[in-house]
């Protein structure tokens, strides 16, 4: 079915309204363009009903049972995530990352045995994302309540990541902990999520005072 016959997301004679709504919702997912949304929609339509129900059940379970760790703001099912509740983790070192996927990337290397704090974004004035939209207040509260001696800022080496790192540095230094930044083994403009294990390990081991 060509795009001209579909008449856009609004429907048109060849596109049933439920299909148009499905394509529109799929298009909102990151990395999914209009054509990909259409292909996914028709794949889902052709999917056996049992598999489709399993998919919807999995999505509902994620939304119903998962939340954010009351300590580090990572995605978790219990109130406190497994990393925060692990007594073997170094309670004095705190690594600040942009997204939950960054925690997975760093945990994969095994080089860091401290705790994390997830910001859930970066400061981005062009995208109307300011400091109050991130989990910065929770971070500052942790610094005041927990025995943190070092904060490792591991935001991505992008313009937004650097701006966020500078903002955090200004807030954290007066509170007393050592503030470090991952070494420049990471490519400028890259994401932690896509860095290989060796690069992440060297970046951690070579971190420097901010």
N, C-alpha and C. Protein backbone atom coordinates (compact mmCIF):
# COMPACT_ATOMS: atom_id res chain seq x y z
N UNK A 1 0.86 -1.20 0.00
CA UNK A 1 0.00 0.00 0.00
C UNK A 1 0.88 1.23 0.00
N UNK A 2 0.71 2.13 -0.93
CA UNK A 2 1.56 3.31 -1.03
C UNK A 2 1.09 4.37 -0.08
N UNK A 3 2.00 5.33 0.17
CA UNK A 3 1.66 6.41 1.10
C UNK A 3 0.55 7.28 0.55
N UNK A 4 0.50 7.41 -0.80
CA UNK A 4 -0.54 8.26 -1.38
C UNK A 4 -1.93 7.68 -1.16
N UNK A 5 -2.03 6.34 -1.13
CA UNK A 5 -3.34 5.73 -0.94
C UNK A 5 -3.77 5.68 0.50
N UNK A 6 -2.78 5.92 1.42
CA UNK A 6 -3.12 5.84 2.83
C UNK A 6 -3.70 7.14 3.36
N UNK A 7 -3.37 8.25 2.69
CA UNK A 7 -3.97 9.50 3.10
C UNK A 7 -3.47 10.00 4.43
N UNK A 8 -2.25 9.60 4.85
CA UNK A 8 -1.69 10.08 6.10
C UNK A 8 -2.29 9.39 7.29
N UNK A 9 -1.96 9.89 8.50
CA UNK A 9 -2.44 9.27 9.73
C UNK A 9 -3.93 9.50 9.94
N UNK A 10 -4.49 10.44 9.23
CA UNK A 10 -5.89 10.76 9.44
C UNK A 10 -6.85 9.73 8.90
N UNK A 11 -6.32 8.77 8.10
CA UNK A 11 -7.21 7.73 7.60
C UNK A 11 -7.29 7.76 6.09
N UNK A 12 -8.34 8.37 5.53
CA UNK A 12 -8.54 8.31 4.10
C UNK A 12 -9.33 7.04 3.77
N UNK A 13 -9.75 6.92 2.51
CA UNK A 13 -10.61 5.79 2.15
C UNK A 13 -9.93 4.44 2.29
N UNK A 14 -8.59 4.38 2.19
CA UNK A 14 -7.91 3.08 2.19
C UNK A 14 -7.32 2.72 3.55
N UNK A 15 -7.42 3.59 4.52
CA UNK A 15 -6.77 3.35 5.82
C UNK A 15 -7.81 3.44 6.94
N UNK A 16 -8.08 2.32 7.57
CA UNK A 16 -9.05 2.29 8.67
C UNK A 16 -8.55 3.13 9.84
N UNK A 17 -9.42 3.84 10.53
CA UNK A 17 -9.00 4.69 11.65
C UNK A 17 -8.16 3.96 12.71
N UNK A 18 -8.49 2.70 13.10
CA UNK A 18 -7.63 2.03 14.09
C UNK A 18 -6.20 1.84 13.59
N UNK A 19 -6.03 1.59 12.29
CA UNK A 19 -4.70 1.43 11.73
C UNK A 19 -3.97 2.76 11.75
N UNK A 20 -4.67 3.82 11.41
CA UNK A 20 -4.06 5.15 11.43
C UNK A 20 -3.59 5.50 12.84
N UNK A 21 -4.40 5.18 13.84
CA UNK A 21 -4.01 5.47 15.22
C UNK A 21 -2.80 4.65 15.63
N UNK A 22 -2.75 3.39 15.20
CA UNK A 22 -1.61 2.53 15.53
C UNK A 22 -0.34 3.07 14.91
N UNK A 23 -0.39 3.47 13.64
CA UNK A 23 0.78 4.03 12.97
C UNK A 23 1.23 5.30 13.66
N UNK A 24 0.27 6.12 14.05
CA UNK A 24 0.63 7.38 14.72
C UNK A 24 1.34 7.12 16.04
N UNK A 25 0.87 6.15 16.81
CA UNK A 25 1.50 5.84 18.10
C UNK A 25 2.88 5.22 17.91
N UNK A 26 3.03 4.34 16.92
CA UNK A 26 4.33 3.74 16.65
C UNK A 26 5.34 4.78 16.19
N UNK A 27 4.86 5.77 15.45
CA UNK A 27 5.74 6.83 14.96
C UNK A 27 6.32 7.66 16.10
N UNK A 28 5.67 7.66 17.25
CA UNK A 28 6.16 8.42 18.40
C UNK A 28 7.36 7.74 19.07
N UNK A 29 7.59 6.46 18.77
CA UNK A 29 8.71 5.75 19.38
C UNK A 29 10.02 6.27 18.82
N UNK A 30 11.08 6.32 19.65
CA UNK A 30 12.37 6.84 19.17
C UNK A 30 12.94 5.99 18.05
N UNK A 31 13.40 6.67 17.00
CA UNK A 31 14.03 5.97 15.88
C UNK A 31 13.06 5.37 14.89
N UNK A 32 11.76 5.59 15.07
CA UNK A 32 10.76 5.02 14.16
C UNK A 32 10.20 6.14 13.28
N UNK A 33 10.54 6.08 11.99
CA UNK A 33 10.02 7.04 11.04
C UNK A 33 8.67 6.62 10.51
N UNK A 34 8.08 7.43 9.62
CA UNK A 34 6.74 7.11 9.09
C UNK A 34 6.68 5.75 8.39
N UNK A 35 7.66 5.46 7.55
CA UNK A 35 7.64 4.19 6.82
C UNK A 35 7.80 3.01 7.77
N UNK A 36 8.72 3.15 8.74
CA UNK A 36 8.91 2.07 9.72
C UNK A 36 7.66 1.86 10.54
N UNK A 37 6.99 2.95 10.89
CA UNK A 37 5.74 2.84 11.67
C UNK A 37 4.68 2.09 10.87
N UNK A 38 4.60 2.36 9.57
CA UNK A 38 3.64 1.66 8.74
C UNK A 38 3.95 0.16 8.65
N UNK A 39 5.24 -0.16 8.46
CA UNK A 39 5.63 -1.57 8.36
C UNK A 39 5.34 -2.31 9.66
N UNK A 40 5.66 -1.67 10.79
CA UNK A 40 5.39 -2.30 12.09
C UNK A 40 3.89 -2.50 12.30
N UNK A 41 3.11 -1.50 11.92
CA UNK A 41 1.66 -1.60 12.10
C UNK A 41 1.10 -2.80 11.34
N UNK A 42 1.50 -2.96 10.10
CA UNK A 42 0.95 -4.07 9.31
C UNK A 42 1.54 -5.41 9.75
N UNK A 43 2.75 -5.38 10.32
CA UNK A 43 3.28 -6.61 10.91
C UNK A 43 2.43 -7.03 12.11
N UNK A 44 2.07 -6.04 12.95
CA UNK A 44 1.25 -6.34 14.12
C UNK A 44 -0.13 -6.83 13.71
N UNK A 45 -0.67 -6.26 12.65
CA UNK A 45 -1.99 -6.68 12.19
C UNK A 45 -1.95 -8.15 11.74
N UNK A 46 -0.86 -8.55 11.11
CA UNK A 46 -0.75 -9.93 10.62
C UNK A 46 -0.29 -10.90 11.71
N UNK A 47 0.14 -10.39 12.83
CA UNK A 47 0.64 -11.24 13.92
C UNK A 47 -0.49 -12.12 14.46
N UNK A 48 -0.20 -13.38 14.79
CA UNK A 48 -1.23 -14.23 15.41
C UNK A 48 -1.77 -13.59 16.68
N UNK A 49 -3.04 -13.79 16.93
CA UNK A 49 -3.69 -13.11 18.05
C UNK A 49 -3.02 -13.44 19.38
N UNK A 50 -2.57 -14.69 19.56
CA UNK A 50 -1.93 -15.07 20.82
C UNK A 50 -0.65 -14.25 21.05
N UNK A 51 0.16 -14.09 20.00
CA UNK A 51 1.39 -13.31 20.13
C UNK A 51 1.08 -11.83 20.37
N UNK A 52 0.04 -11.34 19.71
CA UNK A 52 -0.34 -9.94 19.92
C UNK A 52 -0.78 -9.70 21.36
N UNK A 53 -1.52 -10.66 21.93
CA UNK A 53 -1.95 -10.53 23.32
C UNK A 53 -0.74 -10.57 24.26
N UNK A 54 0.23 -11.42 23.95
CA UNK A 54 1.44 -11.50 24.77
C UNK A 54 2.19 -10.17 24.75
N UNK A 55 2.23 -9.53 23.58
CA UNK A 55 2.90 -8.24 23.48
C UNK A 55 2.18 -7.18 24.30
N UNK A 56 0.87 -7.11 24.17
CA UNK A 56 0.12 -6.11 24.94
C UNK A 56 0.21 -6.39 26.44
N UNK A 57 0.21 -7.66 26.82
CA UNK A 57 0.34 -8.01 28.24
C UNK A 57 1.70 -7.59 28.78
N UNK A 58 2.75 -7.79 27.96
CA UNK A 58 4.11 -7.41 28.39
C UNK A 58 4.21 -5.90 28.58
N UNK A 59 3.62 -5.14 27.67
CA UNK A 59 3.64 -3.68 27.79
C UNK A 59 2.86 -3.24 29.03
N UNK A 60 1.70 -3.84 29.26
CA UNK A 60 0.89 -3.49 30.42
C UNK A 60 1.63 -3.83 31.72
N UNK A 61 2.32 -4.98 31.74
CA UNK A 61 3.03 -5.39 32.95
C UNK A 61 4.16 -4.41 33.27
N UNK A 62 4.85 -3.95 32.23
CA UNK A 62 5.92 -2.98 32.44
C UNK A 62 5.37 -1.69 33.05
N UNK A 63 4.27 -1.21 32.51
CA UNK A 63 3.70 0.04 33.01
C UNK A 63 3.09 -0.12 34.40
N UNK A 64 2.55 -1.31 34.69
CA UNK A 64 1.87 -1.53 35.96
C UNK A 64 2.84 -1.84 37.11
N UNK A 65 3.91 -2.58 36.81
CA UNK A 65 4.75 -3.10 37.89
C UNK A 65 6.09 -2.39 38.06
N UNK A 66 6.55 -1.65 37.05
CA UNK A 66 7.85 -1.01 37.16
C UNK A 66 7.71 0.45 37.56
N UNK A 67 8.73 0.92 38.24
CA UNK A 67 8.79 2.33 38.63
C UNK A 67 10.24 2.74 38.72
N UNK A 68 10.51 3.80 39.47
CA UNK A 68 11.86 4.29 39.63
C UNK A 68 12.35 4.04 41.05
N UNK A 69 13.59 3.61 41.16
CA UNK A 69 14.21 3.37 42.46
C UNK A 69 14.15 4.64 43.30
N UNK A 70 13.70 4.52 44.52
CA UNK A 70 13.57 5.70 45.38
C UNK A 70 14.92 6.28 45.75
N UNK A 71 15.99 5.55 45.48
CA UNK A 71 17.32 6.02 45.82
C UNK A 71 18.07 6.56 44.59
N UNK A 72 18.20 5.74 43.54
CA UNK A 72 19.02 6.14 42.40
C UNK A 72 18.22 6.56 41.18
N UNK A 73 16.91 6.37 41.18
CA UNK A 73 16.02 6.73 40.08
C UNK A 73 16.13 5.82 38.87
N UNK A 74 16.83 4.68 39.03
CA UNK A 74 16.87 3.70 37.94
C UNK A 74 15.54 2.95 37.88
N UNK A 75 15.28 2.29 36.77
CA UNK A 75 14.05 1.51 36.62
C UNK A 75 14.14 0.26 37.50
N UNK A 76 13.07 0.00 38.24
CA UNK A 76 13.08 -1.13 39.15
C UNK A 76 11.67 -1.61 39.42
N UNK A 77 11.55 -2.83 39.90
CA UNK A 77 10.24 -3.34 40.33
C UNK A 77 10.05 -3.12 41.83
N UNK A 78 11.01 -3.50 42.69
CA UNK A 78 10.90 -3.14 44.11
C UNK A 78 11.18 -1.65 44.30
N UNK A 79 10.91 -1.14 45.48
CA UNK A 79 11.11 0.28 45.76
C UNK A 79 12.58 0.68 45.63
N UNK A 80 13.48 -0.21 46.05
CA UNK A 80 14.92 0.05 45.94
C UNK A 80 15.50 -1.02 45.01
N UNK A 81 16.28 -0.59 44.02
CA UNK A 81 16.78 -1.51 43.00
C UNK A 81 17.85 -2.45 43.57
N UNK A 82 18.19 -3.46 42.79
CA UNK A 82 19.16 -4.46 43.23
C UNK A 82 20.54 -3.90 43.47
N UNK A 83 20.95 -2.90 42.68
CA UNK A 83 22.27 -2.31 42.87
C UNK A 83 22.32 -1.52 44.18
N UNK A 84 21.33 -0.70 44.42
CA UNK A 84 21.31 0.11 45.64
C UNK A 84 21.20 -0.75 46.90
N UNK A 85 20.54 -1.89 46.80
CA UNK A 85 20.34 -2.73 47.97
C UNK A 85 21.46 -3.75 48.17
N UNK A 86 22.47 -3.73 47.30
CA UNK A 86 23.58 -4.67 47.40
C UNK A 86 24.61 -4.14 48.40
N UNK A 87 24.80 -4.79 49.54
CA UNK A 87 25.75 -4.29 50.55
C UNK A 87 27.20 -4.36 50.10
N UNK A 88 27.48 -5.12 49.04
CA UNK A 88 28.85 -5.24 48.55
C UNK A 88 29.27 -4.05 47.69
N UNK A 89 28.32 -3.21 47.30
CA UNK A 89 28.67 -2.05 46.47
C UNK A 89 29.32 -0.98 47.32
N UNK A 90 30.24 -0.24 46.69
CA UNK A 90 30.95 0.87 47.35
C UNK A 90 29.97 2.02 47.54
N UNK A 91 29.63 2.31 48.78
CA UNK A 91 28.65 3.35 49.09
C UNK A 91 29.21 4.76 48.99
N UNK A 92 30.51 4.89 48.81
CA UNK A 92 31.15 6.21 48.82
C UNK A 92 31.33 6.79 47.42
N UNK A 93 31.09 5.99 46.39
CA UNK A 93 31.27 6.47 45.02
C UNK A 93 29.94 6.42 44.28
N UNK A 94 29.63 7.52 43.61
CA UNK A 94 28.35 7.68 42.94
C UNK A 94 28.59 8.10 41.49
N UNK A 95 28.08 7.32 40.56
CA UNK A 95 28.25 7.62 39.14
C UNK A 95 26.94 8.18 38.59
N UNK A 96 26.99 9.38 38.03
CA UNK A 96 25.81 10.05 37.51
C UNK A 96 25.72 9.82 36.01
N UNK A 97 24.61 9.24 35.56
CA UNK A 97 24.42 8.95 34.14
C UNK A 97 23.13 9.57 33.64
N UNK A 98 23.01 9.58 32.31
CA UNK A 98 21.86 10.22 31.69
C UNK A 98 20.62 9.33 31.74
N UNK A 99 20.76 8.06 31.36
CA UNK A 99 19.61 7.18 31.19
C UNK A 99 19.87 5.80 31.81
N UNK A 100 18.81 5.03 32.08
CA UNK A 100 18.99 3.67 32.60
C UNK A 100 19.86 2.78 31.71
N UNK A 101 19.81 2.99 30.39
CA UNK A 101 20.63 2.19 29.49
C UNK A 101 22.12 2.40 29.75
N UNK A 102 22.49 3.57 30.25
CA UNK A 102 23.90 3.82 30.57
C UNK A 102 24.35 2.98 31.76
N UNK A 103 23.46 2.74 32.70
CA UNK A 103 23.78 1.85 33.82
C UNK A 103 24.09 0.46 33.30
N UNK A 104 23.27 -0.03 32.38
CA UNK A 104 23.50 -1.35 31.82
C UNK A 104 24.85 -1.41 31.11
N UNK A 105 25.19 -0.36 30.37
CA UNK A 105 26.46 -0.35 29.64
C UNK A 105 27.64 -0.40 30.60
N UNK A 106 27.60 0.38 31.67
CA UNK A 106 28.70 0.42 32.62
C UNK A 106 28.77 -0.86 33.45
N UNK A 107 27.62 -1.41 33.81
CA UNK A 107 27.61 -2.66 34.57
C UNK A 107 28.19 -3.80 33.74
N UNK A 108 28.02 -3.73 32.44
CA UNK A 108 28.53 -4.77 31.56
C UNK A 108 30.06 -4.86 31.63
N UNK A 109 30.73 -3.74 31.89
CA UNK A 109 32.19 -3.74 31.94
C UNK A 109 32.71 -4.35 33.24
N UNK A 110 31.93 -4.26 34.34
CA UNK A 110 32.38 -4.76 35.63
C UNK A 110 33.44 -3.90 36.29
N UNK A 111 33.75 -2.72 35.72
CA UNK A 111 34.84 -1.90 36.25
C UNK A 111 34.39 -1.03 37.41
N UNK A 112 33.10 -0.77 37.53
CA UNK A 112 32.60 0.12 38.57
C UNK A 112 31.75 -0.66 39.55
N UNK A 113 32.07 -0.54 40.83
CA UNK A 113 31.35 -1.27 41.87
C UNK A 113 30.70 -0.34 42.89
N UNK A 114 30.51 0.90 42.49
CA UNK A 114 29.83 1.84 43.36
C UNK A 114 28.34 1.90 43.04
N UNK A 115 27.72 3.04 43.33
CA UNK A 115 26.30 3.25 43.10
C UNK A 115 26.10 4.21 41.94
N UNK A 116 24.87 4.32 41.49
CA UNK A 116 24.54 5.18 40.36
C UNK A 116 23.47 6.20 40.74
N UNK A 117 23.36 7.21 39.88
CA UNK A 117 22.22 8.11 39.94
C UNK A 117 21.83 8.44 38.51
N UNK A 118 20.56 8.21 38.17
CA UNK A 118 20.07 8.40 36.80
C UNK A 118 19.33 9.73 36.70
N UNK A 119 19.77 10.58 35.78
CA UNK A 119 19.15 11.90 35.61
C UNK A 119 17.87 11.86 34.79
N UNK A 120 17.75 10.89 33.92
CA UNK A 120 16.62 10.80 32.98
C UNK A 120 16.58 11.99 32.04
N UNK A 121 17.73 12.26 31.43
CA UNK A 121 17.81 13.32 30.44
C UNK A 121 19.01 14.21 30.66
N UNK A 122 19.12 15.22 29.82
CA UNK A 122 20.20 16.21 29.89
C UNK A 122 19.60 17.60 29.75
N UNK A 123 20.28 18.58 30.28
CA UNK A 123 19.85 19.96 30.10
C UNK A 123 19.92 20.31 28.62
N UNK A 124 18.82 20.77 28.07
CA UNK A 124 18.74 21.06 26.64
C UNK A 124 17.78 22.21 26.42
N UNK A 125 18.28 23.45 26.44
CA UNK A 125 17.40 24.61 26.27
C UNK A 125 16.62 24.56 24.96
N UNK A 126 17.24 24.07 23.89
CA UNK A 126 16.55 24.00 22.60
C UNK A 126 15.37 23.03 22.65
N UNK A 127 15.49 22.02 23.50
CA UNK A 127 14.41 21.05 23.65
C UNK A 127 13.51 21.34 24.83
N UNK A 128 13.66 22.54 25.44
CA UNK A 128 12.86 22.95 26.59
C UNK A 128 13.02 22.01 27.78
N UNK A 129 14.25 21.49 27.97
CA UNK A 129 14.56 20.65 29.11
C UNK A 129 15.52 21.42 30.02
N UNK A 130 15.04 21.76 31.20
CA UNK A 130 15.85 22.50 32.15
C UNK A 130 16.25 21.64 33.33
N UNK A 131 17.04 22.16 34.25
CA UNK A 131 17.48 21.40 35.42
C UNK A 131 16.33 20.82 36.24
N UNK A 132 15.22 21.56 36.32
CA UNK A 132 14.09 21.08 37.12
C UNK A 132 13.39 19.87 36.49
N UNK A 133 13.67 19.60 35.22
CA UNK A 133 13.06 18.46 34.55
C UNK A 133 13.85 17.17 34.78
N UNK A 134 15.04 17.28 35.38
CA UNK A 134 15.90 16.14 35.64
C UNK A 134 15.85 15.76 37.11
N UNK A 135 16.46 14.62 37.44
CA UNK A 135 16.46 14.14 38.83
C UNK A 135 17.67 14.70 39.59
N UNK A 136 17.82 16.01 39.51
CA UNK A 136 18.96 16.67 40.15
C UNK A 136 18.69 16.92 41.63
N UNK A 137 17.46 17.28 41.97
CA UNK A 137 17.14 17.49 43.39
C UNK A 137 17.37 16.22 44.19
N UNK A 138 17.01 15.08 43.60
CA UNK A 138 17.23 13.81 44.28
C UNK A 138 18.72 13.53 44.47
N UNK A 139 19.51 13.92 43.48
CA UNK A 139 20.97 13.75 43.58
C UNK A 139 21.54 14.58 44.72
N UNK A 140 21.15 15.82 44.80
CA UNK A 140 21.66 16.70 45.86
C UNK A 140 21.23 16.19 47.24
N UNK A 141 20.02 15.65 47.33
CA UNK A 141 19.57 15.10 48.60
C UNK A 141 20.44 13.92 49.01
N UNK A 142 20.80 13.08 48.03
CA UNK A 142 21.64 11.93 48.34
C UNK A 142 23.02 12.36 48.84
N UNK A 143 23.57 13.39 48.22
CA UNK A 143 24.89 13.88 48.66
C UNK A 143 24.84 14.33 50.11
N UNK A 144 23.71 14.91 50.50
CA UNK A 144 23.58 15.37 51.87
C UNK A 144 23.30 14.27 52.87
N UNK A 145 22.73 13.15 52.40
CA UNK A 145 22.31 12.09 53.33
C UNK A 145 23.23 10.88 53.33
N UNK A 146 23.96 10.64 52.24
CA UNK A 146 24.76 9.43 52.11
C UNK A 146 26.26 9.75 52.21
N UNK A 147 27.09 8.75 52.53
CA UNK A 147 28.53 8.98 52.72
C UNK A 147 29.29 9.03 51.41
N UNK A 148 28.90 9.92 50.51
CA UNK A 148 29.49 9.98 49.18
C UNK A 148 30.76 10.84 49.22
N UNK A 149 31.89 10.25 48.82
CA UNK A 149 33.15 11.00 48.79
C UNK A 149 33.57 11.34 47.37
N UNK A 150 33.01 10.64 46.37
CA UNK A 150 33.34 10.94 44.96
C UNK A 150 32.09 10.82 44.11
N UNK A 151 31.87 11.83 43.27
CA UNK A 151 30.80 11.80 42.28
C UNK A 151 31.45 11.78 40.91
N UNK A 152 31.17 10.71 40.14
CA UNK A 152 31.71 10.55 38.80
C UNK A 152 30.62 10.96 37.81
N UNK A 153 30.85 12.04 37.08
CA UNK A 153 29.87 12.50 36.11
C UNK A 153 30.13 11.79 34.79
N UNK A 154 29.17 10.97 34.38
CA UNK A 154 29.34 10.13 33.20
C UNK A 154 28.29 10.46 32.14
N UNK A 155 28.00 11.75 31.99
CA UNK A 155 27.08 12.15 30.93
C UNK A 155 27.79 12.01 29.58
N UNK A 156 27.01 11.87 28.52
CA UNK A 156 27.59 11.68 27.20
C UNK A 156 28.39 12.90 26.75
N UNK A 157 29.46 12.70 25.98
CA UNK A 157 30.31 13.82 25.55
C UNK A 157 29.71 14.58 24.37
N UNK A 158 28.50 15.09 24.58
CA UNK A 158 27.81 15.91 23.60
C UNK A 158 27.69 17.33 24.18
N UNK A 159 27.18 18.24 23.37
CA UNK A 159 27.00 19.61 23.86
C UNK A 159 26.10 19.62 25.08
N UNK A 160 24.99 18.89 25.02
CA UNK A 160 24.06 18.83 26.14
C UNK A 160 24.68 18.12 27.34
N UNK A 161 25.46 17.07 27.06
CA UNK A 161 26.11 16.34 28.14
C UNK A 161 27.14 17.20 28.86
N UNK A 162 27.91 17.97 28.10
CA UNK A 162 28.91 18.84 28.71
C UNK A 162 28.25 19.96 29.51
N UNK A 163 27.16 20.51 28.97
CA UNK A 163 26.45 21.58 29.69
C UNK A 163 25.89 21.05 31.00
N UNK A 164 25.35 19.84 30.98
CA UNK A 164 24.81 19.24 32.20
C UNK A 164 25.93 18.96 33.19
N UNK A 165 27.06 18.47 32.69
CA UNK A 165 28.20 18.17 33.57
C UNK A 165 28.70 19.45 34.25
N UNK A 166 28.80 20.53 33.50
CA UNK A 166 29.26 21.79 34.09
C UNK A 166 28.28 22.29 35.15
N UNK A 167 27.01 22.16 34.87
CA UNK A 167 25.99 22.60 35.82
C UNK A 167 26.08 21.78 37.11
N UNK A 168 26.22 20.46 36.98
CA UNK A 168 26.33 19.60 38.15
C UNK A 168 27.60 19.91 38.93
N UNK A 169 28.68 20.16 38.22
CA UNK A 169 29.95 20.47 38.89
C UNK A 169 29.80 21.69 39.80
N UNK A 170 29.14 22.72 39.29
CA UNK A 170 28.94 23.93 40.09
C UNK A 170 28.10 23.68 41.33
N UNK A 171 27.15 22.76 41.23
CA UNK A 171 26.30 22.45 42.38
C UNK A 171 27.00 21.55 43.39
N UNK A 172 27.80 20.61 42.90
CA UNK A 172 28.35 19.56 43.76
C UNK A 172 29.60 19.97 44.51
N UNK A 173 30.47 20.75 43.89
CA UNK A 173 31.74 21.11 44.53
C UNK A 173 31.55 21.74 45.91
N UNK A 174 30.63 22.69 46.07
CA UNK A 174 30.46 23.28 47.41
C UNK A 174 29.98 22.28 48.46
N UNK A 175 29.43 21.14 48.03
CA UNK A 175 28.92 20.16 48.98
C UNK A 175 30.00 19.24 49.53
N UNK A 176 31.20 19.28 48.92
CA UNK A 176 32.31 18.55 49.51
C UNK A 176 32.88 17.35 48.79
N UNK A 177 32.09 16.59 48.00
CA UNK A 177 32.68 15.40 47.41
C UNK A 177 33.64 15.74 46.28
N UNK A 178 34.57 14.82 46.01
CA UNK A 178 35.42 14.94 44.84
C UNK A 178 34.55 14.73 43.60
N UNK A 179 34.69 15.59 42.61
CA UNK A 179 33.88 15.49 41.39
C UNK A 179 34.81 15.17 40.24
N UNK A 180 34.58 14.01 39.60
CA UNK A 180 35.42 13.59 38.49
C UNK A 180 34.58 13.41 37.24
N UNK A 181 35.28 13.33 36.10
CA UNK A 181 34.64 13.17 34.79
C UNK A 181 35.32 12.00 34.10
N UNK A 182 34.56 11.23 33.33
CA UNK A 182 35.17 10.14 32.58
C UNK A 182 36.22 10.67 31.63
N UNK A 183 37.30 9.90 31.44
CA UNK A 183 38.39 10.30 30.56
C UNK A 183 37.89 10.41 29.12
N UNK A 184 38.68 11.07 28.29
CA UNK A 184 38.27 11.33 26.91
C UNK A 184 38.49 10.15 25.97
N UNK A 185 38.50 8.94 26.52
CA UNK A 185 38.53 7.78 25.65
C UNK A 185 37.23 7.65 24.89
N UNK A 186 36.18 8.33 25.38
CA UNK A 186 34.89 8.30 24.72
C UNK A 186 34.88 9.29 23.56
N UNK A 187 34.34 8.90 22.41
CA UNK A 187 34.31 9.81 21.26
C UNK A 187 33.39 10.99 21.50
N UNK A 188 33.83 12.17 21.08
CA UNK A 188 33.00 13.36 21.23
C UNK A 188 31.73 13.18 20.40
N UNK A 189 30.60 13.44 21.03
CA UNK A 189 29.32 13.29 20.35
C UNK A 189 28.73 11.90 20.44
N UNK A 190 29.45 10.98 21.12
CA UNK A 190 28.98 9.61 21.22
C UNK A 190 28.12 9.38 22.44
N UNK A 191 27.51 8.20 22.52
CA UNK A 191 26.67 7.80 23.64
C UNK A 191 27.31 6.64 24.39
N UNK A 192 27.22 6.67 25.72
CA UNK A 192 27.74 5.56 26.52
C UNK A 192 27.11 4.25 26.11
N UNK A 193 25.83 4.31 25.79
CA UNK A 193 25.08 3.10 25.46
C UNK A 193 25.73 2.30 24.34
N UNK A 194 26.38 3.00 23.38
CA UNK A 194 26.93 2.34 22.20
C UNK A 194 28.44 2.15 22.27
N UNK A 195 29.07 2.58 23.36
CA UNK A 195 30.51 2.41 23.49
C UNK A 195 30.85 0.96 23.83
N UNK A 196 31.99 0.50 23.33
CA UNK A 196 32.39 -0.88 23.62
C UNK A 196 32.93 -0.98 25.04
N UNK A 197 33.03 -2.20 25.55
CA UNK A 197 33.42 -2.43 26.94
C UNK A 197 34.81 -1.89 27.23
N UNK A 198 35.76 -2.07 26.32
CA UNK A 198 37.13 -1.63 26.56
C UNK A 198 37.21 -0.11 26.65
N UNK A 199 36.48 0.58 25.78
CA UNK A 199 36.47 2.04 25.82
C UNK A 199 35.90 2.55 27.13
N UNK A 200 34.79 1.95 27.57
CA UNK A 200 34.18 2.36 28.84
C UNK A 200 35.12 2.06 30.01
N UNK A 201 35.79 0.92 29.98
CA UNK A 201 36.71 0.57 31.07
C UNK A 201 37.85 1.57 31.16
N UNK A 202 38.44 1.91 30.02
CA UNK A 202 39.56 2.87 30.02
C UNK A 202 39.09 4.26 30.42
N UNK A 203 37.88 4.62 30.01
CA UNK A 203 37.35 5.92 30.40
C UNK A 203 37.17 6.02 31.91
N UNK A 204 36.71 4.92 32.51
CA UNK A 204 36.51 4.91 33.95
C UNK A 204 37.85 4.93 34.68
N UNK A 205 38.77 4.08 34.25
CA UNK A 205 40.06 4.00 34.93
C UNK A 205 40.87 5.28 34.77
N UNK A 206 40.63 6.01 33.69
CA UNK A 206 41.39 7.24 33.45
C UNK A 206 40.65 8.50 33.83
N UNK A 207 39.59 8.38 34.62
CA UNK A 207 38.81 9.56 34.98
C UNK A 207 39.68 10.57 35.72
N UNK A 208 39.32 11.83 35.56
CA UNK A 208 40.12 12.93 36.11
C UNK A 208 39.24 13.84 36.95
N UNK A 209 39.90 14.61 37.81
CA UNK A 209 39.16 15.61 38.57
C UNK A 209 38.54 16.60 37.59
N UNK A 210 37.34 17.01 37.91
CA UNK A 210 36.61 17.91 37.00
C UNK A 210 37.31 19.25 36.95
